[in-house]
Every structure is written in C-alpha cells, then in structure tokens.
Amino acid sequence: MPVTRNAKGTRVQSAYGHFVKDNLKEVKQENPNATNDDIARALTAKWKSLSREEKEPYERSARVDRHKHESEKNYGATKGEEEDEED
C-alpha cells in the first residue's frame, strides 16, 4: 500500500495515529520507566482493546484527513491544468 502524504509532504494520519497522538502522554505517565518499545506495545494493546464505538472518533478523524488530502491533491491537479492553459 503506498504511503499517502498531504500537501506539506507529511503522511496522512491513520486512525491509530490519531489514537497514539491522544494517548501517548497518558501511557508515558502510567509507565515512566518504560522503553519506547514498551510504550508502543502498551499503546497497541490499548488500541486493540477498544470497541468499534470507542475507535469511531479516531476513524472519523482519519477519514477527514484522507478527504482533506484528496481535496488538496485534486485542487493541485486542477490548478496545474489551469496554469498550463494560461501559457
């Protein structure tokens, strides 16, 4: 699967990415001596334990990001075509 990037060249955030962003600080506070691997495992376990309903806000955020990315990509393609026509 190709990596999807936004107009700034950064990756479009997945549902799990949104979840990590919202929960990383809490997991680090709960496990102050944990390694990065331990924190990643804890976040993954926490994500897997969520119900579909609990995951929905993160899924929705990911859909919004993808939609925004597609809109920016389509706008850029259209804008490029318009510039070509002006020449």
C-alpha atoms as a PDB file:
ATOM      1  CA  MET A   1       0.000   0.000   0.000  1.00  0.00           C
ATOM      2  CA  PRO A   2       1.525   3.348  -0.996  1.00  0.00           C
ATOM      3  CA  VAL A   3       2.138   5.979   1.647  1.00  0.00           C
ATOM      4  CA  THR A   4      -0.396   8.781   1.419  1.00  0.00           C
ATOM      5  CA  ARG A   5       1.033  12.217   2.035  1.00  0.00           C
ATOM      6  CA  ASN A   6      -0.654  15.577   2.383  1.00  0.00           C
ATOM      7  CA  ALA A   7       0.269  18.801   0.571  1.00  0.00           C
ATOM      8  CA  LYS A   8       3.070  19.500   3.059  1.00  0.00           C
ATOM      9  CA  GLY A   9       4.657  16.135   2.256  1.00  0.00           C
ATOM     10  CA  THR A  10       3.815  14.596   5.612  1.00  0.00           C
ATOM     11  CA  ARG A  11       1.873  11.391   5.998  1.00  0.00           C
ATOM     12  CA  VAL A  12      -1.884  11.458   6.298  1.00  0.00           C
ATOM     13  CA  GLN A  13      -2.659  10.296   9.812  1.00  0.00           C
ATOM     14  CA  SER A  14      -4.352   6.931  10.300  1.00  0.00           C
ATOM     15  CA  ALA A  15      -6.972   6.238  12.967  1.00  0.00           C
ATOM     16  CA  TYR A  16      -4.285   4.543  15.046  1.00  0.00           C
ATOM     17  CA  GLY A  17      -2.026   7.576  14.567  1.00  0.00           C
ATOM     18  CA  HIS A  18      -4.738   9.860  15.945  1.00  0.00           C
ATOM     19  CA  PHE A  19      -5.206   7.477  18.862  1.00  0.00           C
ATOM     20  CA  VAL A  20      -1.467   7.474  19.635  1.00  0.00           C
ATOM     21  CA  LYS A  21      -1.334  11.262  19.474  1.00  0.00           C
ATOM     22  CA  ASP A  22      -4.186  11.486  22.001  1.00  0.00           C
ATOM     23  CA  ASN A  23      -2.907   8.748  24.350  1.00  0.00           C
ATOM     24  CA  LEU A  24       0.899   8.826  24.230  1.00  0.00           C
ATOM     25  CA  LYS A  25       1.333  11.268  27.095  1.00  0.00           C
ATOM     26  CA  GLU A  26      -1.015   9.285  29.347  1.00  0.00           C
ATOM     27  CA  VAL A  27       0.715   5.960  28.605  1.00  0.00           C
ATOM     28  CA  LYS A  28       4.134   7.514  29.271  1.00  0.00           C
ATOM     29  CA  GLN A  29       2.887   8.883  32.614  1.00  0.00           C
ATOM     30  CA  GLU A  30       1.486   5.483  33.571  1.00  0.00           C
ATOM     31  CA  ASN A  31       4.796   3.810  32.646  1.00  0.00           C
ATOM     32  CA  PRO A  32       7.560   6.324  33.476  1.00  0.00           C
ATOM     33  CA  ASN A  33      10.418   3.800  33.217  1.00  0.00           C
ATOM     34  CA  ALA A  34       9.151   2.082  30.075  1.00  0.00           C
ATOM     35  CA  THR A  35      11.223   1.885  26.920  1.00  0.00           C
ATOM     36  CA  ASN A  36       9.863   3.130  23.607  1.00  0.00           C
ATOM     37  CA  ASP A  37       9.155  -0.489  22.656  1.00  0.00           C
ATOM     38  CA  ASP A  38       7.193  -0.996  25.874  1.00  0.00           C
ATOM     39  CA  ILE A  39       5.186   2.160  25.242  1.00  0.00           C
ATOM     40  CA  ALA A  40       4.432   1.085  21.673  1.00  0.00           C
ATOM     41  CA  ARG A  41       3.262  -2.311  22.931  1.00  0.00           C
ATOM     42  CA  ALA A  42       1.068  -0.672  25.583  1.00  0.00           C
ATOM     43  CA  LEU A  43      -0.492   1.668  23.020  1.00  0.00           C
ATOM     44  CA  THR A  44      -1.108  -1.207  20.613  1.00  0.00           C
ATOM     45  CA  ALA A  45      -2.726  -3.294  23.348  1.00  0.00           C
ATOM     46  CA  LYS A  46      -4.882  -0.358  24.391  1.00  0.00           C
ATOM     47  CA  TRP A  47      -5.945   0.247  20.769  1.00  0.00           C
ATOM     48  CA  LYS A  48      -6.820  -3.410  20.245  1.00  0.00           C
ATOM     49  CA  SER A  49      -8.921  -3.428  23.408  1.00  0.00           C
ATOM     50  CA  LEU A  50     -11.143  -0.581  22.189  1.00  0.00           C
ATOM     51  CA  SER A  51     -14.610  -1.362  20.879  1.00  0.00           C
ATOM     52  CA  ARG A  52     -15.712  -0.192  17.425  1.00  0.00           C
ATOM     53  CA  GLU A  53     -17.659   2.611  19.082  1.00  0.00           C
ATOM     54  CA  GLU A  54     -14.572   3.755  21.001  1.00  0.00           C
ATOM     55  CA  LYS A  55     -12.483   3.699  17.806  1.00  0.00           C
ATOM     56  CA  GLU A  56     -15.046   5.675  15.803  1.00  0.00           C
ATOM     57  CA  PRO A  57     -13.789   9.201  16.707  1.00  0.00           C
ATOM     58  CA  TYR A  58     -10.303   8.209  15.547  1.00  0.00           C
ATOM     59  CA  GLU A  59     -11.668   6.588  12.384  1.00  0.00           C
ATOM     60  CA  ARG A  60     -13.652   9.746  11.694  1.00  0.00           C
ATOM     61  CA  SER A  61     -10.549  11.928  12.122  1.00  0.00           C
ATOM     62  CA  ALA A  62      -8.640   9.677   9.716  1.00  0.00           C
ATOM     63  CA  ARG A  63     -11.450   9.917   7.147  1.00  0.00           C
ATOM     64  CA  VAL A  64     -11.421  13.702   7.439  1.00  0.00           C
ATOM     65  CA  ASP A  65      -7.643  13.720   6.913  1.00  0.00           C
ATOM     66  CA  ARG A  66      -7.904  11.475   3.855  1.00  0.00           C
ATOM     67  CA  HIS A  67     -10.736  13.560   2.418  1.00  0.00           C
ATOM     68  CA  LYS A  68      -8.780  16.763   3.026  1.00  0.00           C
ATOM     69  CA  HIS A  69      -5.732  15.203   1.370  1.00  0.00           C
ATOM     70  CA  GLU A  70      -7.756  14.120  -1.657  1.00  0.00           C
ATOM     71  CA  SER A  71      -9.265  17.603  -1.953  1.00  0.00           C
ATOM     72  CA  GLU A  72      -5.813  19.220  -1.800  1.00  0.00           C
ATOM     73  CA  LYS A  73      -4.465  16.724  -4.317  1.00  0.00           C
ATOM     74  CA  ASN A  74      -7.371  17.346  -6.707  1.00  0.00           C
ATOM     75  CA  TYR A  75      -7.063  21.109  -6.272  1.00  0.00           C
ATOM     76  CA  GLY A  76      -3.354  20.928  -7.063  1.00  0.00           C
ATOM     77  CA  ALA A  77      -4.007  18.892 -10.203  1.00  0.00           C
ATOM     78  CA  THR A  78      -6.742  21.279 -11.328  1.00  0.00           C
ATOM     79  CA  LYS A  79      -4.601  24.325 -10.537  1.00  0.00           C
ATOM     80  CA  GLY A  80      -1.716  22.889 -12.556  1.00  0.00           C
ATOM     81  CA  GLU A  81      -4.005  22.302 -15.524  1.00  0.00           C
ATOM     82  CA  GLU A  82      -5.282  25.885 -15.314  1.00  0.00           C
ATOM     83  CA  GLU A  83      -1.729  27.241 -15.286  1.00  0.00           C
ATOM     84  CA  ASP A  84      -0.883  25.176 -18.372  1.00  0.00           C
ATOM     85  CA  GLU A  85      -3.902  26.620 -20.193  1.00  0.00           C
ATOM     86  CA  GLU A  86      -2.821  30.203 -19.415  1.00  0.00           C
ATOM     87  CA  ASP A  87       0.565  29.774 -21.137  1.00  0.00           C
END
